[in-house]
Amino acid sequence: MYFEQTSNFNACGQCGASEGEKGYRVLYFTKDWNYKNYEEFLTESCRENIYDVTKTKSKDKQTITYKIGKSESTPPHTLTVNIKNASVVKSK
């Protein structure tokens, strides 16, 4: 699931009036469909200092690739989002 959320509802402080947090969340469920947990993959973040991201869509529009530079807590990496299969793969 793609998400966008405001970093700071007061538009002041550490993140100011920035765009906020954007990315994908993969939801996990038990065998009987009860919510278990989620994994978050950020594509833009004031808190993590993720801004200069290169976004590339495949010709068939089934995948989106994000090349993300070094952030506050992660080394440079690539996120590949498969829209058809609803999956996200993180690689170096």
C-alpha atoms as a PDB file:
ATOM      1  CA  MET A   1       0.000   0.000   0.000  1.00  0.00           C
ATOM      2  CA  TYR A   2       1.283   3.441  -0.911  1.00  0.00           C
ATOM      3  CA  PHE A   3       1.061   6.031   1.865  1.00  0.00           C
ATOM      4  CA  GLU A   4       1.632   9.727   2.438  1.00  0.00           C
ATOM      5  CA  GLN A   5       1.528  11.333   5.851  1.00  0.00           C
ATOM      6  CA  THR A   6       2.450  14.728   7.195  1.00  0.00           C
ATOM      7  CA  SER A   7       5.656  14.809   9.214  1.00  0.00           C
ATOM      8  CA  ASN A   8       4.411  17.577  11.429  1.00  0.00           C
ATOM      9  CA  PHE A   9       0.783  18.677  11.550  1.00  0.00           C
ATOM     10  CA  ASN A  10       1.800  22.081  12.961  1.00  0.00           C
ATOM     11  CA  ALA A  11       4.142  22.718   9.991  1.00  0.00           C
ATOM     12  CA  CYS A  12       6.963  23.863  12.238  1.00  0.00           C
ATOM     13  CA  GLY A  13       9.861  22.344  14.113  1.00  0.00           C
ATOM     14  CA  GLN A  14      12.305  19.786  12.753  1.00  0.00           C
ATOM     15  CA  CYS A  15      10.569  19.142   9.421  1.00  0.00           C
ATOM     16  CA  GLY A  16       8.897  22.495   8.929  1.00  0.00           C
ATOM     17  CA  ALA A  17       6.380  22.560   6.106  1.00  0.00           C
ATOM     18  CA  SER A  18       7.988  19.718   4.142  1.00  0.00           C
ATOM     19  CA  GLU A  19       6.027  17.185   2.135  1.00  0.00           C
ATOM     20  CA  GLY A  20       6.267  14.640   4.931  1.00  0.00           C
ATOM     21  CA  GLU A  21       6.719  10.903   4.801  1.00  0.00           C
ATOM     22  CA  LYS A  22       5.947   8.912   1.641  1.00  0.00           C
ATOM     23  CA  GLY A  23       6.478   5.285   0.839  1.00  0.00           C
ATOM     24  CA  TYR A  24       4.982   1.815   0.875  1.00  0.00           C
ATOM     25  CA  ARG A  25       3.774  -0.472   3.624  1.00  0.00           C
ATOM     26  CA  VAL A  26       3.530  -4.215   3.194  1.00  0.00           C
ATOM     27  CA  LEU A  27       0.855  -5.638   5.480  1.00  0.00           C
ATOM     28  CA  TYR A  28       1.170  -9.143   6.914  1.00  0.00           C
ATOM     29  CA  PHE A  29      -1.729 -11.286   8.084  1.00  0.00           C
ATOM     30  CA  THR A  30      -2.145 -14.598   9.887  1.00  0.00           C
ATOM     31  CA  LYS A  31      -3.605 -17.633   8.088  1.00  0.00           C
ATOM     32  CA  ASP A  32      -7.098 -16.654   9.253  1.00  0.00           C
ATOM     33  CA  TRP A  33      -6.670 -13.059   7.984  1.00  0.00           C
ATOM     34  CA  ASN A  34      -6.040 -11.323  11.294  1.00  0.00           C
ATOM     35  CA  TYR A  35      -3.634  -8.413  11.037  1.00  0.00           C
ATOM     36  CA  LYS A  36      -0.133  -9.390  12.187  1.00  0.00           C
ATOM     37  CA  ASN A  37       2.271  -6.493  11.430  1.00  0.00           C
ATOM     38  CA  TYR A  38       3.656  -4.319   8.646  1.00  0.00           C
ATOM     39  CA  GLU A  39       6.971  -3.403   7.047  1.00  0.00           C
ATOM     40  CA  GLU A  40       7.594   0.177   5.930  1.00  0.00           C
ATOM     41  CA  PHE A  41       9.681   1.297   2.948  1.00  0.00           C
ATOM     42  CA  LEU A  42      10.216   5.067   2.731  1.00  0.00           C
ATOM     43  CA  THR A  43      10.638   6.838  -0.612  1.00  0.00           C
ATOM     44  CA  GLU A  44      10.646  10.360   0.850  1.00  0.00           C
ATOM     45  CA  SER A  45      11.199  11.397   4.437  1.00  0.00           C
ATOM     46  CA  CYS A  46      12.060  14.556   6.325  1.00  0.00           C
ATOM     47  CA  ARG A  47      12.964  12.587   9.451  1.00  0.00           C
ATOM     48  CA  GLU A  48      15.326  10.218   7.617  1.00  0.00           C
ATOM     49  CA  ASN A  49      16.675  12.897   5.249  1.00  0.00           C
ATOM     50  CA  ILE A  50      15.469  11.079   2.104  1.00  0.00           C
ATOM     51  CA  TYR A  51      14.846  13.603  -0.670  1.00  0.00           C
ATOM     52  CA  ASP A  52      16.817  12.967  -3.859  1.00  0.00           C
ATOM     53  CA  VAL A  53      15.157   9.807  -5.094  1.00  0.00           C
ATOM     54  CA  THR A  54      15.204   8.615  -8.700  1.00  0.00           C
ATOM     55  CA  LYS A  55      11.882   7.043  -9.711  1.00  0.00           C
ATOM     56  CA  THR A  56      11.671   4.854 -12.827  1.00  0.00           C
ATOM     57  CA  LYS A  57       8.554   3.107 -14.166  1.00  0.00           C
ATOM     58  CA  SER A  58       8.814   0.007 -16.344  1.00  0.00           C
ATOM     59  CA  LYS A  59       7.425   0.152 -19.883  1.00  0.00           C
ATOM     60  CA  ASP A  60       4.590  -2.213 -18.980  1.00  0.00           C
ATOM     61  CA  LYS A  61       3.825  -0.052 -15.882  1.00  0.00           C
ATOM     62  CA  GLN A  62       3.899  -3.116 -13.629  1.00  0.00           C
ATOM     63  CA  THR A  63       6.957  -2.076 -11.576  1.00  0.00           C
ATOM     64  CA  ILE A  64       8.391   1.125 -10.148  1.00  0.00           C
ATOM     65  CA  THR A  65      12.052   1.365  -9.138  1.00  0.00           C
ATOM     66  CA  TYR A  66      13.291   3.914  -6.606  1.00  0.00           C
ATOM     67  CA  LYS A  67      17.026   4.588  -6.260  1.00  0.00           C
ATOM     68  CA  ILE A  68      17.508   6.022  -2.784  1.00  0.00           C
ATOM     69  CA  GLY A  69      20.736   7.570  -1.536  1.00  0.00           C
ATOM     70  CA  LYS A  70      22.179   7.251   1.951  1.00  0.00           C
ATOM     71  CA  SER A  71      19.783   8.360   4.684  1.00  0.00           C
ATOM     72  CA  GLU A  72      20.110   8.958   8.418  1.00  0.00           C
ATOM     73  CA  SER A  73      19.700   5.251   9.202  1.00  0.00           C
ATOM     74  CA  THR A  74      20.221   3.281   5.958  1.00  0.00           C
ATOM     75  CA  PRO A  75      22.914   2.952   3.288  1.00  0.00           C
ATOM     76  CA  PRO A  76      22.064   3.657  -0.381  1.00  0.00           C
ATOM     77  CA  HIS A  77      19.598   1.098  -1.741  1.00  0.00           C
ATOM     78  CA  THR A  78      17.013   0.359  -4.400  1.00  0.00           C
ATOM     79  CA  LEU A  79      13.324  -0.373  -3.886  1.00  0.00           C
ATOM     80  CA  THR A  80      11.463  -2.271  -6.559  1.00  0.00           C
ATOM     81  CA  VAL A  81       7.684  -2.085  -6.235  1.00  0.00           C
ATOM     82  CA  ASN A  82       5.701  -4.659  -8.185  1.00  0.00           C
ATOM     83  CA  ILE A  83       2.236  -3.149  -8.524  1.00  0.00           C
ATOM     84  CA  LYS A  84       0.606  -6.274  -9.975  1.00  0.00           C
ATOM     85  CA  ASN A  85       1.897  -8.604  -7.234  1.00  0.00           C
ATOM     86  CA  ALA A  86       1.698  -5.989  -4.455  1.00  0.00           C
ATOM     87  CA  SER A  87       5.274  -6.607  -3.365  1.00  0.00           C
ATOM     88  CA  VAL A  88       8.311  -4.492  -2.451  1.00  0.00           C
ATOM     89  CA  VAL A  89      11.904  -5.713  -2.722  1.00  0.00           C
ATOM     90  CA  LYS A  90      14.779  -3.814  -1.130  1.00  0.00           C
ATOM     91  CA  SER A  91      18.267  -4.385  -2.585  1.00  0.00           C
ATOM     92  CA  LYS A  92      21.710  -2.770  -2.432  1.00  0.00           C
END
